[in-house]
Amino acid sequence: MSISSFGSLPNLISLLRLVLVPIVISMIVTDRWIGAFLIFVAAGISDGVDGWLANRFNLRTELGAYLDPLADKVLLVSIYVALAVSETVPATIAILIVFRDLMIIAAFLVSWIMGKPMKVRPLLVSKANTMAQIAFAALVLGAKAFGLKLGLWFEASLAIVAALTLASAGAYLYQWIRHMGL
């Protein structure tokens, strides 16, 4: 079997990540923290694997360019909302993360509707933001799974995630304003 036979494998992995979302959310809201942690880690690993496969074997597709970040966003937004609902993280961080993503989607939609579509290009600050959100969620889930205290590291990490989320929102807003010629 040739590498080209696996052309849709990265997309299938992204779809699997989407399927894992309701499972990990149900585990969070039912206090099954070890399962939630393990599934979230598996989803995080799948994100790296699909990207590596797509790049290493030139299996990038237009669908994958949309599906991979969609799967990431659905997973992260869902995780933060579930963690806020379970009162594990402050609701303000979930609101901030959801607002940022909705703002970006709205900006792209407005650009498209106005006949000035923008290319989807993740910014460096956005990549750092995503990494921080994933790492913080994994740490929180791991702490809950193994009965560790949410101490100073929690507050410091929360501040970093909030700052990067705001910086990323600002960078995308600036890029959109320039694109739209405002």
N, C-alpha and C. Protein backbone atom coordinates (compact mmCIF):
# COMPACT_ATOMS: atom_id res chain seq x y z
N MET A 1 0.84 -1.18 0.00
CA MET A 1 0.00 0.00 0.00
C MET A 1 0.88 1.24 0.00
N SER A 2 0.61 2.17 -0.87
CA SER A 2 1.45 3.36 -0.98
C SER A 2 0.98 4.45 -0.03
N ILE A 3 1.85 5.43 0.15
CA ILE A 3 1.53 6.58 0.99
C ILE A 3 0.29 7.30 0.46
N SER A 4 0.13 7.36 -0.85
CA SER A 4 -1.02 8.06 -1.42
C SER A 4 -2.35 7.40 -1.02
N SER A 5 -2.31 6.13 -0.65
CA SER A 5 -3.52 5.45 -0.18
C SER A 5 -4.02 6.03 1.14
N PHE A 6 -3.13 6.70 1.84
CA PHE A 6 -3.49 7.28 3.14
C PHE A 6 -3.79 8.78 3.02
N GLY A 7 -4.10 9.24 1.83
CA GLY A 7 -4.31 10.67 1.60
C GLY A 7 -5.32 11.33 2.50
N SER A 8 -6.34 10.59 2.91
CA SER A 8 -7.35 11.20 3.76
C SER A 8 -7.13 10.90 5.24
N LEU A 9 -6.06 10.21 5.59
CA LEU A 9 -5.81 9.85 6.98
C LEU A 9 -5.75 11.06 7.91
N PRO A 10 -5.03 12.13 7.57
CA PRO A 10 -5.05 13.29 8.48
C PRO A 10 -6.46 13.84 8.70
N ASN A 11 -7.29 13.85 7.64
CA ASN A 11 -8.66 14.33 7.79
C ASN A 11 -9.48 13.40 8.67
N LEU A 12 -9.27 12.10 8.53
CA LEU A 12 -9.98 11.14 9.37
C LEU A 12 -9.58 11.30 10.84
N ILE A 13 -8.31 11.59 11.08
CA ILE A 13 -7.85 11.82 12.44
C ILE A 13 -8.51 13.08 13.02
N SER A 14 -8.61 14.13 12.20
CA SER A 14 -9.30 15.36 12.65
C SER A 14 -10.77 15.06 12.96
N LEU A 15 -11.41 14.26 12.13
CA LEU A 15 -12.80 13.88 12.39
C LEU A 15 -12.92 13.09 13.69
N LEU A 16 -11.97 12.21 13.95
CA LEU A 16 -11.95 11.45 15.19
C LEU A 16 -11.87 12.41 16.39
N ARG A 17 -11.05 13.44 16.26
CA ARG A 17 -10.92 14.44 17.33
C ARG A 17 -12.28 15.09 17.61
N LEU A 18 -13.03 15.37 16.55
CA LEU A 18 -14.38 15.94 16.72
C LEU A 18 -15.30 14.96 17.45
N VAL A 19 -15.19 13.67 17.12
CA VAL A 19 -16.02 12.65 17.75
C VAL A 19 -15.68 12.51 19.24
N LEU A 20 -14.44 12.76 19.60
CA LEU A 20 -14.03 12.64 21.00
C LEU A 20 -14.59 13.76 21.88
N VAL A 21 -14.99 14.88 21.27
CA VAL A 21 -15.45 16.04 22.05
C VAL A 21 -16.62 15.70 22.98
N PRO A 22 -17.73 15.17 22.48
CA PRO A 22 -18.83 14.90 23.42
C PRO A 22 -18.47 13.87 24.49
N ILE A 23 -17.56 12.98 24.16
CA ILE A 23 -17.15 11.97 25.14
C ILE A 23 -16.39 12.62 26.29
N VAL A 24 -15.40 13.45 25.95
CA VAL A 24 -14.61 14.09 27.01
C VAL A 24 -15.47 15.08 27.80
N ILE A 25 -16.40 15.75 27.15
CA ILE A 25 -17.27 16.69 27.86
C ILE A 25 -18.17 15.94 28.85
N SER A 26 -18.72 14.82 28.40
CA SER A 26 -19.58 14.05 29.31
C SER A 26 -18.78 13.55 30.51
N MET A 27 -17.53 13.24 30.29
CA MET A 27 -16.70 12.78 31.41
C MET A 27 -16.41 13.92 32.39
N ILE A 28 -16.22 15.12 31.89
CA ILE A 28 -15.97 16.26 32.77
C ILE A 28 -17.21 16.54 33.62
N VAL A 29 -18.37 16.60 32.99
CA VAL A 29 -19.58 16.98 33.74
C VAL A 29 -20.05 15.87 34.68
N THR A 30 -19.54 14.66 34.52
CA THR A 30 -19.88 13.57 35.44
C THR A 30 -18.71 13.23 36.37
N ASP A 31 -17.74 14.14 36.45
CA ASP A 31 -16.59 14.01 37.35
C ASP A 31 -15.76 12.75 37.12
N ARG A 32 -15.67 12.30 35.90
CA ARG A 32 -14.81 11.17 35.56
C ARG A 32 -13.51 11.75 34.99
N TRP A 33 -12.71 12.29 35.89
CA TRP A 33 -11.56 13.10 35.52
C TRP A 33 -10.44 12.31 34.86
N ILE A 34 -10.19 11.10 35.29
CA ILE A 34 -9.10 10.32 34.67
C ILE A 34 -9.43 10.05 33.21
N GLY A 35 -10.65 9.63 32.93
CA GLY A 35 -11.07 9.40 31.55
C GLY A 35 -11.02 10.67 30.72
N ALA A 36 -11.48 11.78 31.30
CA ALA A 36 -11.45 13.07 30.59
C ALA A 36 -10.01 13.46 30.27
N PHE A 37 -9.13 13.28 31.24
CA PHE A 37 -7.72 13.60 31.03
C PHE A 37 -7.11 12.74 29.91
N LEU A 38 -7.34 11.44 29.98
CA LEU A 38 -6.76 10.53 28.98
C LEU A 38 -7.30 10.80 27.58
N ILE A 39 -8.59 11.05 27.46
CA ILE A 39 -9.16 11.33 26.14
C ILE A 39 -8.65 12.68 25.62
N PHE A 40 -8.53 13.67 26.50
CA PHE A 40 -8.02 14.96 26.06
C PHE A 40 -6.56 14.83 25.59
N VAL A 41 -5.77 14.08 26.32
CA VAL A 41 -4.37 13.87 25.90
C VAL A 41 -4.34 13.15 24.55
N ALA A 42 -5.18 12.14 24.38
CA ALA A 42 -5.25 11.43 23.09
C ALA A 42 -5.65 12.37 21.97
N ALA A 43 -6.60 13.26 22.24
CA ALA A 43 -7.02 14.23 21.23
C ALA A 43 -5.87 15.18 20.90
N GLY A 44 -5.13 15.61 21.92
CA GLY A 44 -3.98 16.48 21.70
C GLY A 44 -2.90 15.80 20.87
N ILE A 45 -2.64 14.54 21.16
CA ILE A 45 -1.66 13.78 20.39
C ILE A 45 -2.14 13.63 18.94
N SER A 46 -3.44 13.39 18.77
CA SER A 46 -3.97 13.23 17.40
C SER A 46 -3.78 14.50 16.59
N ASP A 47 -3.84 15.66 17.25
CA ASP A 47 -3.62 16.92 16.55
C ASP A 47 -2.19 16.99 16.00
N GLY A 48 -1.25 16.57 16.80
CA GLY A 48 0.14 16.54 16.33
C GLY A 48 0.35 15.52 15.23
N VAL A 49 -0.27 14.36 15.38
CA VAL A 49 -0.10 13.28 14.40
C VAL A 49 -0.69 13.68 13.04
N ASP A 50 -1.90 14.24 13.04
CA ASP A 50 -2.48 14.58 11.73
C ASP A 50 -1.68 15.67 11.03
N GLY A 51 -1.19 16.63 11.78
CA GLY A 51 -0.34 17.67 11.19
C GLY A 51 0.97 17.11 10.66
N TRP A 52 1.58 16.22 11.43
CA TRP A 52 2.84 15.61 11.01
C TRP A 52 2.64 14.80 9.73
N LEU A 53 1.59 13.97 9.71
CA LEU A 53 1.31 13.16 8.52
C LEU A 53 1.07 14.05 7.29
N ALA A 54 0.26 15.09 7.47
CA ALA A 54 -0.06 15.97 6.35
C ALA A 54 1.19 16.64 5.80
N ASN A 55 2.06 17.09 6.70
CA ASN A 55 3.28 17.78 6.25
C ASN A 55 4.35 16.81 5.77
N ARG A 56 4.58 15.75 6.51
CA ARG A 56 5.66 14.80 6.19
C ARG A 56 5.43 14.08 4.87
N PHE A 57 4.18 13.71 4.61
CA PHE A 57 3.87 12.93 3.41
C PHE A 57 3.08 13.72 2.38
N ASN A 58 3.10 15.05 2.53
CA ASN A 58 2.42 15.95 1.60
C ASN A 58 0.96 15.51 1.39
N LEU A 59 0.25 15.32 2.49
CA LEU A 59 -1.14 14.91 2.45
C LEU A 59 -2.08 16.07 2.80
N ARG A 60 -1.59 17.29 2.61
CA ARG A 60 -2.41 18.47 2.91
C ARG A 60 -3.53 18.57 1.89
N THR A 61 -4.72 18.91 2.40
CA THR A 61 -5.88 19.09 1.54
C THR A 61 -6.59 20.38 1.93
N GLU A 62 -7.42 20.88 1.04
CA GLU A 62 -8.20 22.08 1.37
C GLU A 62 -9.14 21.77 2.53
N LEU A 63 -9.76 20.59 2.49
CA LEU A 63 -10.64 20.19 3.59
C LEU A 63 -9.87 20.17 4.91
N GLY A 64 -8.69 19.61 4.89
CA GLY A 64 -7.87 19.55 6.10
C GLY A 64 -7.49 20.91 6.64
N ALA A 65 -7.30 21.88 5.74
CA ALA A 65 -6.96 23.24 6.16
C ALA A 65 -8.08 23.86 7.00
N TYR A 66 -9.31 23.41 6.79
CA TYR A 66 -10.44 23.89 7.58
C TYR A 66 -10.79 22.93 8.72
N LEU A 67 -10.71 21.64 8.45
CA LEU A 67 -11.14 20.63 9.41
C LEU A 67 -10.24 20.58 10.64
N ASP A 68 -8.93 20.65 10.46
CA ASP A 68 -8.01 20.56 11.58
C ASP A 68 -8.22 21.71 12.58
N PRO A 69 -8.20 22.98 12.13
CA PRO A 69 -8.43 24.04 13.12
C PRO A 69 -9.85 24.02 13.69
N LEU A 70 -10.82 23.57 12.90
CA LEU A 70 -12.19 23.45 13.42
C LEU A 70 -12.23 22.44 14.56
N ALA A 71 -11.60 21.29 14.36
CA ALA A 71 -11.57 20.27 15.41
C ALA A 71 -10.87 20.80 16.66
N ASP A 72 -9.78 21.53 16.47
CA ASP A 72 -9.07 22.12 17.61
C ASP A 72 -9.97 23.09 18.37
N LYS A 73 -10.64 23.96 17.63
CA LYS A 73 -11.48 24.98 18.27
C LYS A 73 -12.67 24.36 18.97
N VAL A 74 -13.32 23.40 18.32
CA VAL A 74 -14.48 22.75 18.95
C VAL A 74 -14.03 22.07 20.24
N LEU A 75 -12.90 21.38 20.20
CA LEU A 75 -12.39 20.70 21.38
C LEU A 75 -12.08 21.70 22.49
N LEU A 76 -11.30 22.73 22.17
CA LEU A 76 -10.87 23.68 23.21
C LEU A 76 -12.04 24.47 23.77
N VAL A 77 -12.90 24.99 22.90
CA VAL A 77 -14.04 25.77 23.40
C VAL A 77 -14.91 24.88 24.29
N SER A 78 -15.17 23.67 23.85
CA SER A 78 -16.00 22.74 24.63
C SER A 78 -15.37 22.41 25.97
N ILE A 79 -14.08 22.16 25.97
CA ILE A 79 -13.37 21.85 27.21
C ILE A 79 -13.48 23.00 28.20
N TYR A 80 -13.21 24.21 27.73
CA TYR A 80 -13.24 25.37 28.64
C TYR A 80 -14.65 25.66 29.14
N VAL A 81 -15.64 25.50 28.29
CA VAL A 81 -17.02 25.70 28.74
C VAL A 81 -17.37 24.64 29.79
N ALA A 82 -17.02 23.39 29.53
CA ALA A 82 -17.30 22.31 30.49
C ALA A 82 -16.55 22.53 31.81
N LEU A 83 -15.30 22.96 31.73
CA LEU A 83 -14.53 23.23 32.95
C LEU A 83 -15.13 24.40 33.72
N ALA A 84 -15.67 25.38 33.02
CA ALA A 84 -16.32 26.51 33.69
C ALA A 84 -17.64 26.07 34.33
N VAL A 85 -18.42 25.28 33.59
CA VAL A 85 -19.70 24.78 34.12
C VAL A 85 -19.46 23.93 35.37
N SER A 86 -18.39 23.15 35.36
CA SER A 86 -18.07 22.31 36.52
C SER A 86 -17.36 23.11 37.62
N GLU A 87 -17.22 24.41 37.41
CA GLU A 87 -16.58 25.34 38.36
C GLU A 87 -15.13 24.96 38.67
N THR A 88 -14.47 24.40 37.65
CA THR A 88 -13.07 24.05 37.79
C THR A 88 -12.18 25.22 37.38
N VAL A 89 -12.61 25.97 36.37
CA VAL A 89 -11.93 27.21 35.97
C VAL A 89 -12.96 28.34 36.04
N PRO A 90 -12.48 29.58 36.17
CA PRO A 90 -13.43 30.70 36.21
C PRO A 90 -14.19 30.82 34.88
N ALA A 91 -15.45 31.16 34.98
CA ALA A 91 -16.28 31.33 33.77
C ALA A 91 -15.70 32.40 32.86
N THR A 92 -15.01 33.37 33.42
CA THR A 92 -14.46 34.46 32.59
C THR A 92 -13.48 33.95 31.54
N ILE A 93 -12.70 32.92 31.85
CA ILE A 93 -11.74 32.42 30.86
C ILE A 93 -12.48 31.71 29.74
N ALA A 94 -13.53 30.98 30.06
CA ALA A 94 -14.33 30.32 29.01
C ALA A 94 -14.99 31.37 28.14
N ILE A 95 -15.54 32.41 28.75
CA ILE A 95 -16.18 33.49 27.98
C ILE A 95 -15.17 34.16 27.07
N LEU A 96 -13.98 34.42 27.57
CA LEU A 96 -12.94 35.06 26.77
C LEU A 96 -12.55 34.19 25.58
N ILE A 97 -12.38 32.91 25.79
CA ILE A 97 -11.99 31.99 24.72
C ILE A 97 -13.10 31.89 23.67
N VAL A 98 -14.34 31.75 24.13
CA VAL A 98 -15.47 31.67 23.20
C VAL A 98 -15.61 32.98 22.42
N PHE A 99 -15.51 34.11 23.11
CA PHE A 99 -15.63 35.40 22.45
C PHE A 99 -14.56 35.58 21.37
N ARG A 100 -13.32 35.23 21.68
CA ARG A 100 -12.24 35.36 20.70
C ARG A 100 -12.55 34.57 19.43
N ASP A 101 -12.96 33.33 19.61
CA ASP A 101 -13.24 32.49 18.45
C ASP A 101 -14.44 33.00 17.66
N LEU A 102 -15.49 33.44 18.35
CA LEU A 102 -16.65 34.00 17.65
C LEU A 102 -16.29 35.28 16.90
N MET A 103 -15.43 36.11 17.51
CA MET A 103 -14.99 37.34 16.86
C MET A 103 -14.24 37.03 15.57
N ILE A 104 -13.37 36.04 15.61
CA ILE A 104 -12.59 35.67 14.43
C ILE A 104 -13.51 35.13 13.34
N ILE A 105 -14.43 34.25 13.71
CA ILE A 105 -15.37 33.70 12.73
C ILE A 105 -16.22 34.81 12.12
N ALA A 106 -16.71 35.72 12.96
CA ALA A 106 -17.52 36.83 12.46
C ALA A 106 -16.73 37.72 11.50
N ALA A 107 -15.48 37.97 11.83
CA ALA A 107 -14.65 38.82 10.96
C ALA A 107 -14.46 38.15 9.59
N PHE A 108 -14.19 36.86 9.58
CA PHE A 108 -14.04 36.15 8.31
C PHE A 108 -15.34 36.14 7.52
N LEU A 109 -16.46 35.95 8.21
CA LEU A 109 -17.75 35.95 7.53
C LEU A 109 -18.08 37.32 6.94
N VAL A 110 -17.86 38.37 7.71
CA VAL A 110 -18.13 39.73 7.21
C VAL A 110 -17.25 40.02 6.00
N SER A 111 -15.99 39.64 6.07
CA SER A 111 -15.08 39.85 4.94
C SER A 111 -15.58 39.13 3.70
N TRP A 112 -16.02 37.89 3.88
CA TRP A 112 -16.51 37.08 2.77
C TRP A 112 -17.79 37.68 2.20
N ILE A 113 -18.73 38.06 3.07
CA ILE A 113 -20.00 38.65 2.63
C ILE A 113 -19.75 39.95 1.85
N MET A 114 -18.76 40.71 2.27
CA MET A 114 -18.45 41.99 1.62
C MET A 114 -17.58 41.81 0.38
N GLY A 115 -17.32 40.57 0.00
CA GLY A 115 -16.53 40.31 -1.20
C GLY A 115 -15.04 40.55 -1.03
N LYS A 116 -14.57 40.56 0.21
CA LYS A 116 -13.15 40.73 0.51
C LYS A 116 -12.66 39.59 1.40
N PRO A 117 -12.79 38.35 0.90
CA PRO A 117 -12.44 37.21 1.76
C PRO A 117 -10.97 37.25 2.19
N MET A 118 -10.76 36.79 3.41
CA MET A 118 -9.40 36.72 3.96
C MET A 118 -8.92 35.28 3.89
N LYS A 119 -7.64 35.12 3.69
CA LYS A 119 -7.03 33.79 3.75
C LYS A 119 -6.90 33.38 5.21
N VAL A 120 -7.09 32.09 5.45
CA VAL A 120 -6.94 31.57 6.80
C VAL A 120 -5.46 31.30 7.03
N ARG A 121 -4.84 32.16 7.83
CA ARG A 121 -3.41 32.02 8.15
C ARG A 121 -3.25 32.19 9.65
N PRO A 122 -2.91 31.12 10.35
CA PRO A 122 -2.73 31.27 11.79
C PRO A 122 -1.51 32.15 12.10
N LEU A 123 -1.69 33.05 13.02
CA LEU A 123 -0.62 33.94 13.45
C LEU A 123 0.22 33.24 14.52
N LEU A 124 1.46 33.69 14.69
CA LEU A 124 2.34 33.11 15.69
C LEU A 124 1.74 33.21 17.08
N VAL A 125 1.17 34.37 17.40
CA VAL A 125 0.56 34.55 18.72
C VAL A 125 -0.63 33.61 18.89
N SER A 126 -1.33 33.32 17.80
CA SER A 126 -2.46 32.40 17.85
C SER A 126 -1.98 30.98 18.11
N LYS A 127 -0.88 30.60 17.50
CA LYS A 127 -0.31 29.26 17.75
C LYS A 127 0.13 29.14 19.21
N ALA A 128 0.78 30.20 19.73
CA ALA A 128 1.19 30.20 21.14
C ALA A 128 -0.03 30.13 22.05
N ASN A 129 -1.08 30.84 21.68
CA ASN A 129 -2.32 30.83 22.45
C ASN A 129 -2.92 29.43 22.48
N THR A 130 -2.99 28.79 21.33
CA THR A 130 -3.55 27.43 21.26
C THR A 130 -2.72 26.48 22.11
N MET A 131 -1.42 26.58 22.01
CA MET A 131 -0.54 25.70 22.81
C MET A 131 -0.77 25.93 24.31
N ALA A 132 -0.88 27.20 24.71
CA ALA A 132 -1.10 27.52 26.12
C ALA A 132 -2.46 27.00 26.59
N GLN A 133 -3.49 27.15 25.75
CA GLN A 133 -4.82 26.66 26.11
C GLN A 133 -4.82 25.14 26.27
N ILE A 134 -4.15 24.45 25.34
CA ILE A 134 -4.08 22.99 25.41
C ILE A 134 -3.31 22.56 26.66
N ALA A 135 -2.16 23.17 26.90
CA ALA A 135 -1.33 22.80 28.05
C ALA A 135 -2.06 23.06 29.36
N PHE A 136 -2.73 24.22 29.47
CA PHE A 136 -3.44 24.55 30.70
C PHE A 136 -4.60 23.58 30.93
N ALA A 137 -5.36 23.30 29.88
CA ALA A 137 -6.48 22.35 30.02
C ALA A 137 -5.96 20.98 30.43
N ALA A 138 -4.85 20.54 29.84
CA ALA A 138 -4.28 19.23 30.20
C ALA A 138 -3.81 19.23 31.66
N LEU A 139 -3.18 20.32 32.09
CA LEU A 139 -2.73 20.41 33.49
C LEU A 139 -3.91 20.38 34.46
N VAL A 140 -4.95 21.13 34.13
CA VAL A 140 -6.13 21.17 35.01
C VAL A 140 -6.79 19.79 35.05
N LEU A 141 -6.99 19.18 33.89
CA LEU A 141 -7.59 17.85 33.85
C LEU A 141 -6.72 16.83 34.60
N GLY A 142 -5.41 16.92 34.40
CA GLY A 142 -4.49 16.03 35.10
C GLY A 142 -4.53 16.23 36.61
N ALA A 143 -4.58 17.48 37.03
CA ALA A 143 -4.66 17.77 38.47
C ALA A 143 -5.95 17.21 39.06
N LYS A 144 -7.05 17.39 38.36
CA LYS A 144 -8.33 16.85 38.84
C LYS A 144 -8.30 15.31 38.83
N ALA A 145 -7.71 14.73 37.80
CA ALA A 145 -7.67 13.27 37.66
C ALA A 145 -6.85 12.63 38.78
N PHE A 146 -5.78 13.29 39.20
CA PHE A 146 -4.87 12.68 40.16
C PHE A 146 -4.89 13.36 41.53
N GLY A 147 -5.94 14.17 41.76
CA GLY A 147 -6.15 14.77 43.07
C GLY A 147 -5.10 15.78 43.51
N LEU A 148 -4.52 16.50 42.56
CA LEU A 148 -3.51 17.51 42.89
C LEU A 148 -4.18 18.85 43.15
N LYS A 149 -3.56 19.66 43.97
CA LYS A 149 -4.09 20.97 44.32
C LYS A 149 -3.91 21.95 43.16
N LEU A 150 -4.92 22.81 42.98
CA LEU A 150 -4.82 23.90 42.00
C LEU A 150 -4.29 25.11 42.76
N GLY A 151 -2.98 25.28 42.74
CA GLY A 151 -2.35 26.33 43.53
C GLY A 151 -1.86 27.49 42.68
N LEU A 152 -0.68 27.96 43.02
CA LEU A 152 -0.08 29.11 42.36
C LEU A 152 0.12 28.86 40.86
N TRP A 153 0.52 27.64 40.51
CA TRP A 153 0.70 27.31 39.08
C TRP A 153 -0.58 27.53 38.31
N PHE A 154 -1.71 27.23 38.95
CA PHE A 154 -3.01 27.40 38.31
C PHE A 154 -3.26 28.87 38.00
N GLU A 155 -3.05 29.73 38.99
CA GLU A 155 -3.29 31.16 38.81
C GLU A 155 -2.35 31.76 37.76
N ALA A 156 -1.07 31.36 37.80
CA ALA A 156 -0.10 31.88 36.83
C ALA A 156 -0.44 31.41 35.41
N SER A 157 -0.78 30.14 35.28
CA SER A 157 -1.13 29.60 33.96
C SER A 157 -2.42 30.23 33.43
N LEU A 158 -3.37 30.45 34.30
CA LEU A 158 -4.63 31.09 33.92
C LEU A 158 -4.36 32.49 33.38
N ALA A 159 -3.48 33.22 34.04
CA ALA A 159 -3.13 34.57 33.60
C ALA A 159 -2.45 34.54 32.23
N ILE A 160 -1.58 33.56 32.01
CA ILE A 160 -0.90 33.43 30.72
C ILE A 160 -1.90 33.13 29.61
N VAL A 161 -2.80 32.20 29.86
CA VAL A 161 -3.83 31.85 28.87
C VAL A 161 -4.69 33.07 28.56
N ALA A 162 -5.11 33.79 29.58
CA ALA A 162 -5.94 34.98 29.37
C ALA A 162 -5.19 36.03 28.55
N ALA A 163 -3.92 36.27 28.90
CA ALA A 163 -3.12 37.28 28.18
C ALA A 163 -2.92 36.88 26.72
N LEU A 164 -2.59 35.62 26.47
CA LEU A 164 -2.39 35.17 25.09
C LEU A 164 -3.69 35.18 24.29
N THR A 165 -4.80 34.85 24.94
CA THR A 165 -6.09 34.88 24.26
C THR A 165 -6.43 36.31 23.86
N LEU A 166 -6.22 37.27 24.76
CA LEU A 166 -6.46 38.68 24.44
C LEU A 166 -5.51 39.17 23.36
N ALA A 167 -4.23 38.79 23.45
CA ALA A 167 -3.25 39.22 22.45
C ALA A 167 -3.60 38.65 21.07
N SER A 168 -4.02 37.40 21.04
CA SER A 168 -4.41 36.77 19.78
C SER A 168 -5.65 37.45 19.20
N ALA A 169 -6.63 37.73 20.03
CA ALA A 169 -7.84 38.42 19.56
C ALA A 169 -7.47 39.78 18.99
N GLY A 170 -6.62 40.49 19.69
CA GLY A 170 -6.18 41.81 19.23
C GLY A 170 -5.42 41.74 17.91
N ALA A 171 -4.56 40.74 17.77
CA ALA A 171 -3.78 40.60 16.54
C ALA A 171 -4.69 40.28 15.35
N TYR A 172 -5.66 39.40 15.56
CA TYR A 172 -6.60 39.09 14.47
C TYR A 172 -7.47 40.30 14.14
N LEU A 173 -7.90 41.03 15.15
CA LEU A 173 -8.71 42.22 14.92
C LEU A 173 -7.92 43.26 14.13
N TYR A 174 -6.67 43.45 14.50
CA TYR A 174 -5.80 44.39 13.78
C TYR A 174 -5.63 43.95 12.33
N GLN A 175 -5.38 42.65 12.12
CA GLN A 175 -5.21 42.13 10.77
C GLN A 175 -6.49 42.34 9.95
N TRP A 176 -7.64 42.11 10.55
CA TRP A 176 -8.92 42.27 9.87
C TRP A 176 -9.18 43.74 9.53
N ILE A 177 -8.90 44.63 10.48
CA ILE A 177 -9.09 46.07 10.22
C ILE A 177 -8.22 46.52 9.05
N ARG A 178 -6.99 46.09 9.02
CA ARG A 178 -6.09 46.45 7.91
C ARG A 178 -6.61 45.88 6.59
N HIS A 179 -7.05 44.62 6.62
CA HIS A 179 -7.56 43.95 5.44
C HIS A 179 -8.78 44.68 4.89
N MET A 180 -9.65 45.11 5.77
CA MET A 180 -10.90 45.76 5.37
C MET A 180 -10.68 47.23 5.00
N GLY A 181 -9.49 47.76 5.28
CA GLY A 181 -9.18 49.15 4.93
C GLY A 181 -9.89 50.17 5.81
N LEU A 182 -10.09 49.82 7.07
CA LEU A 182 -10.76 50.74 7.99
C LEU A 182 -9.82 51.78 8.53
